[in-house]
Protein backbone atom coordinates (compact mmCIF):
# COMPACT_ATOMS: atom_id res chain seq x y z
CA UNK A 1 42.20 111.29 44.02
CA UNK A 2 38.59 111.76 45.12
CA UNK A 3 36.56 114.13 47.27
CA UNK A 4 34.01 112.65 49.69
CA UNK A 5 30.92 114.84 49.60
CA UNK A 6 28.46 113.39 52.10
CA UNK A 7 25.14 115.20 52.34
CA UNK A 8 21.44 114.65 52.73
CA UNK A 9 18.43 114.64 50.41
CA UNK A 10 19.09 114.31 46.70
CA UNK A 11 22.77 115.14 46.95
CA UNK A 12 25.33 112.52 46.07
CA UNK A 13 26.96 110.70 49.00
CA UNK A 14 29.66 108.79 47.03
CA UNK A 15 33.07 110.42 46.39
CA UNK A 16 33.65 112.65 43.35
CA UNK A 17 36.78 112.07 41.28
CA UNK A 18 38.77 114.94 39.81
CA UNK A 19 37.77 113.83 36.31
CA UNK A 20 34.07 113.92 37.23
CA UNK A 21 34.43 117.44 38.62
CA UNK A 22 36.21 118.62 35.44
CA UNK A 23 33.57 117.00 33.24
CA UNK A 24 30.79 118.62 35.28
CA UNK A 25 32.42 122.07 34.94
CA UNK A 26 32.85 121.61 31.19
CA UNK A 27 29.17 120.73 30.81
CA UNK A 28 28.13 123.80 32.81
CA UNK A 29 30.40 126.07 30.76
CA UNK A 30 28.95 124.63 27.57
CA UNK A 31 25.40 125.32 28.77
CA UNK A 32 26.36 128.87 29.71
CA UNK A 33 27.85 129.47 26.26
CA UNK A 34 24.65 128.22 24.61
CA UNK A 35 22.45 130.47 26.74
CA UNK A 36 24.71 133.52 26.34
CA UNK A 37 23.16 136.47 24.48
CA UNK A 38 25.93 137.79 22.19
CA UNK A 39 24.50 141.25 21.51
CA UNK A 40 24.50 142.04 25.24
CA UNK A 41 28.29 142.07 24.98
CA UNK A 42 28.22 144.49 22.04
CA UNK A 43 29.22 148.04 23.00
CA UNK A 44 27.27 149.52 20.08
CA UNK A 45 24.08 147.85 21.34
CA UNK A 46 24.39 149.58 24.70
CA UNK A 47 25.21 152.92 23.07
CA UNK A 48 21.99 152.51 21.10
CA UNK A 49 20.09 151.71 24.31
CA UNK A 50 21.47 154.86 25.91
CA UNK A 51 20.41 156.91 22.88
CA UNK A 52 16.93 155.39 22.97
CA UNK A 53 16.59 156.41 26.60
CA UNK A 54 17.35 160.08 25.85
CA UNK A 55 13.83 161.29 24.94
CA UNK A 56 12.28 159.49 27.90
CA UNK A 57 14.79 161.02 30.30
CA UNK A 58 13.98 164.40 28.76
CA UNK A 59 10.23 163.82 29.14
CA UNK A 60 10.77 162.79 32.76
CA UNK A 61 12.80 165.90 33.57
CA UNK A 62 10.30 168.27 31.96
CA UNK A 63 7.26 166.53 33.45
CA UNK A 64 8.66 166.56 36.98
CA UNK A 65 10.22 170.04 36.69
CA UNK A 66 7.69 171.77 34.45
CA UNK A 67 7.80 175.17 36.16
CA UNK A 68 11.58 175.25 35.99
CA UNK A 69 11.53 174.36 32.30
CA UNK A 70 8.83 176.95 31.64
CA UNK A 71 10.88 179.71 33.28
CA UNK A 72 14.02 178.59 31.46
CA UNK A 73 12.18 178.48 28.15
CA UNK A 74 10.65 181.95 28.55
CA UNK A 75 14.09 183.34 29.35
CA UNK A 76 16.42 181.48 27.00
CA UNK A 77 14.34 179.62 24.39
CA UNK A 78 11.96 182.32 23.19
CA UNK A 79 13.23 181.80 19.61
CA UNK A 80 11.52 178.40 19.73
CA UNK A 81 8.15 179.87 20.67
CA UNK A 82 5.98 179.16 23.69
CA UNK A 83 7.35 176.73 26.32
CA UNK A 84 5.31 173.82 24.95
CA UNK A 85 6.59 174.65 21.45
CA UNK A 86 10.18 174.75 22.72
CA UNK A 87 9.61 171.38 24.36
CA UNK A 88 8.14 169.99 21.12
CA UNK A 89 11.06 171.25 18.99
CA UNK A 90 13.62 169.82 21.39
CA UNK A 91 11.70 166.53 21.53
CA UNK A 92 11.72 166.31 17.72
CA UNK A 93 15.47 166.95 17.69
CA UNK A 94 16.05 164.22 20.27
CA UNK A 95 13.86 161.81 18.31
CA UNK A 96 16.00 162.47 15.23
CA UNK A 97 19.07 161.59 17.31
CA UNK A 98 17.24 158.46 18.47
CA UNK A 99 16.54 157.43 14.88
CA UNK A 100 20.16 158.07 13.90
CA UNK A 101 21.31 155.83 16.75
CA UNK A 102 19.13 152.97 15.49
CA UNK A 103 20.49 153.42 11.95
CA UNK A 104 24.09 153.41 13.21
CA UNK A 105 23.42 150.32 15.33
CA UNK A 106 21.85 148.52 12.37
CA UNK A 107 24.72 149.47 10.08
CA UNK A 108 27.23 147.90 12.47
CA UNK A 109 25.75 144.42 11.97
CA UNK A 110 28.68 142.21 10.92
CA UNK A 111 26.87 141.05 7.78
CA UNK A 112 25.95 144.64 6.90
CA UNK A 113 29.53 145.84 7.22
CA UNK A 114 31.01 142.91 5.30
CA UNK A 115 28.58 142.77 2.36
CA UNK A 116 28.34 144.80 -0.83
CA UNK A 117 25.39 146.98 -1.83
CA UNK A 118 24.11 144.31 -4.22
CA UNK A 119 24.32 141.68 -1.49
CA UNK A 120 22.35 143.96 0.83
CA UNK A 121 19.68 144.41 -1.84
CA UNK A 122 19.54 140.65 -2.36
CA UNK A 123 19.23 140.12 1.39
CA UNK A 124 16.35 142.60 1.64
CA UNK A 125 14.68 140.99 -1.37
CA UNK A 126 15.06 137.60 0.29
CA UNK A 127 13.54 138.99 3.48
CA UNK A 128 10.49 140.27 1.61
CA UNK A 129 10.07 137.01 -0.27
CA UNK A 130 10.36 134.98 2.93
CA UNK A 131 7.51 136.85 4.64
CA UNK A 132 4.37 134.82 5.10
CA UNK A 133 0.98 136.38 4.34
CA UNK A 134 0.09 136.15 8.04
CA UNK A 135 3.30 137.94 9.00
CA UNK A 136 2.67 140.76 6.52
CA UNK A 137 -0.97 141.22 7.52
CA UNK A 138 -0.25 141.10 11.26
CA UNK A 139 2.72 143.46 11.03
CA UNK A 140 0.87 146.02 8.92
CA UNK A 141 -2.21 145.84 11.13
CA UNK A 142 -0.13 146.48 14.25
CA UNK A 143 1.65 149.44 12.65
CA UNK A 144 -1.64 150.95 11.46
CA UNK A 145 -3.37 150.35 14.79
CA UNK A 146 -0.54 152.04 16.64
CA UNK A 147 -0.61 155.03 14.31
CA UNK A 148 -4.39 155.23 14.67
CA UNK A 149 -3.98 155.71 18.41
CA UNK A 150 -1.06 158.08 17.96
CA UNK A 151 -2.84 160.19 15.36
CA UNK A 152 -5.99 160.15 17.45
CA UNK A 153 -4.12 161.74 20.35
CA UNK A 154 -2.85 164.60 18.19
CA UNK A 155 -6.32 165.10 16.75
CA UNK A 156 -7.96 165.14 20.17
CA UNK A 157 -5.63 167.41 22.16
CA UNK A 158 -3.32 169.00 19.58
CA UNK A 159 0.39 169.63 19.77
CA UNK A 160 0.09 171.73 22.92
CA UNK A 161 -1.70 168.88 24.67
CA UNK A 162 0.77 166.25 23.52
CA UNK A 163 3.80 168.28 24.56
CA UNK A 164 2.84 168.96 28.15
CA UNK A 165 0.98 172.19 27.54
CA UNK A 166 -1.11 171.43 30.63
CA UNK A 167 2.07 171.85 32.69
CA UNK A 168 3.68 174.56 30.59
CA UNK A 169 1.20 177.38 30.88
CA UNK A 170 -1.55 176.26 28.47
CA UNK A 171 -5.17 175.53 29.30
CA UNK A 172 -5.86 172.04 27.91
CA UNK A 173 -9.43 170.73 28.25
CA UNK A 174 -9.87 167.21 29.56
CA UNK A 175 -10.81 164.88 26.69
CA UNK A 176 -13.00 161.80 27.07
CA UNK A 177 -13.40 160.90 23.39
CA UNK A 178 -11.34 158.52 21.24
CA UNK A 179 -8.69 157.35 21.81
CA UNK A 180 -8.74 158.21 25.51
CA UNK A 181 -11.97 156.27 26.00
CA UNK A 182 -10.43 153.16 24.45
CA UNK A 183 -7.02 152.43 25.98
CA UNK A 184 -4.81 154.00 28.67
CA UNK A 185 -1.96 156.19 27.45
CA UNK A 186 -2.94 155.81 23.78
CA UNK A 187 0.04 157.74 22.43
CA UNK A 188 2.68 155.62 24.14
CA UNK A 189 0.69 152.44 23.65
CA UNK A 190 0.24 153.31 19.98
CA UNK A 191 3.97 153.88 19.54
CA UNK A 192 4.70 150.56 21.24
CA UNK A 193 2.20 148.66 19.09
CA UNK A 194 3.72 150.17 15.93
CA UNK A 195 7.21 149.19 17.07
CA UNK A 196 6.12 145.58 17.56
CA UNK A 197 4.42 145.70 14.18
CA UNK A 198 7.75 146.64 12.63
CA UNK A 199 9.39 143.82 14.56
CA UNK A 200 6.87 141.30 13.22
CA UNK A 201 7.45 142.53 9.67
CA UNK A 202 11.24 142.60 9.61
CA UNK A 203 12.50 140.18 12.26
CA UNK A 204 14.65 137.38 10.90
CA UNK A 205 16.70 134.85 12.83
CA UNK A 206 19.87 136.78 12.02
CA UNK A 207 18.43 140.13 13.09
CA UNK A 208 17.08 138.69 16.33
CA UNK A 209 20.52 137.26 17.10
CA UNK A 210 22.03 140.69 16.44
CA UNK A 211 19.69 142.34 18.95
CA UNK A 212 16.51 143.38 17.17
CA UNK A 213 14.35 141.72 19.81
CA UNK A 214 16.43 143.33 22.54
CA UNK A 215 16.05 146.79 21.01
CA UNK A 216 12.29 146.29 20.62
CA UNK A 217 12.00 145.16 24.23
CA UNK A 218 14.07 148.11 25.45
CA UNK A 219 11.90 150.61 23.57
CA UNK A 220 8.78 148.99 25.04
CA UNK A 221 10.24 149.35 28.52
CA UNK A 222 11.02 153.03 27.97
CA UNK A 223 7.46 153.78 26.84
CA UNK A 224 6.13 151.92 29.88
CA UNK A 225 8.39 154.09 32.05
CA UNK A 226 7.08 157.32 30.48
CA UNK A 227 3.50 156.12 30.92
CA UNK A 228 4.18 155.46 34.60
CA UNK A 229 5.76 158.89 35.06
CA UNK A 230 2.78 160.72 33.55
CA UNK A 231 0.32 158.59 35.51
CA UNK A 232 1.88 158.70 38.96
CA UNK A 233 4.40 161.58 39.19
């Protein structure tokens, strides 16, 4: 049995047999299985992604509805202080939830679940020993550079400036000094650089397969989103 498939250009004009069609499908399925990203099918990975989005959704809502949040805060959240202080306390709480989500996601790695404490210690020791000098230096430099920008923002505009005081009833002077004269959105860029520094330090083939690169990329995307919101909305 064969199927005549006459066409133009580079397409085949001789008949296909059933066996050839089956072989072609098997090859395509094999390619798809090789290019499949396993962690994208992991429910825990997507729960972690949802948790990582939480602070950025919160920032978006407060930034775009600042007056509403200010009124709500002055009426119901006075025990947390001024509106910008209430926003800061809630942001810290959400960041703790974000950190917990990452820990839970990491602890659901198959090798983490199935190994003993001593095996985990040995694995971490092996990770440290496998690091190249270039990897260590680059990772540490990225983390420190990111924290330099992040700390510089706090030093320049204070907590009230960082936590949307300009929109929550505080008078925040415009700052032109470091780090605002160096890079755009230094706080978010600094956080992103530090995240990639951590990735450089601790990424192994196994961790990348389990989703570490995906989590790092997702966090980068969320910081880019928050930067866009504060720049254009």
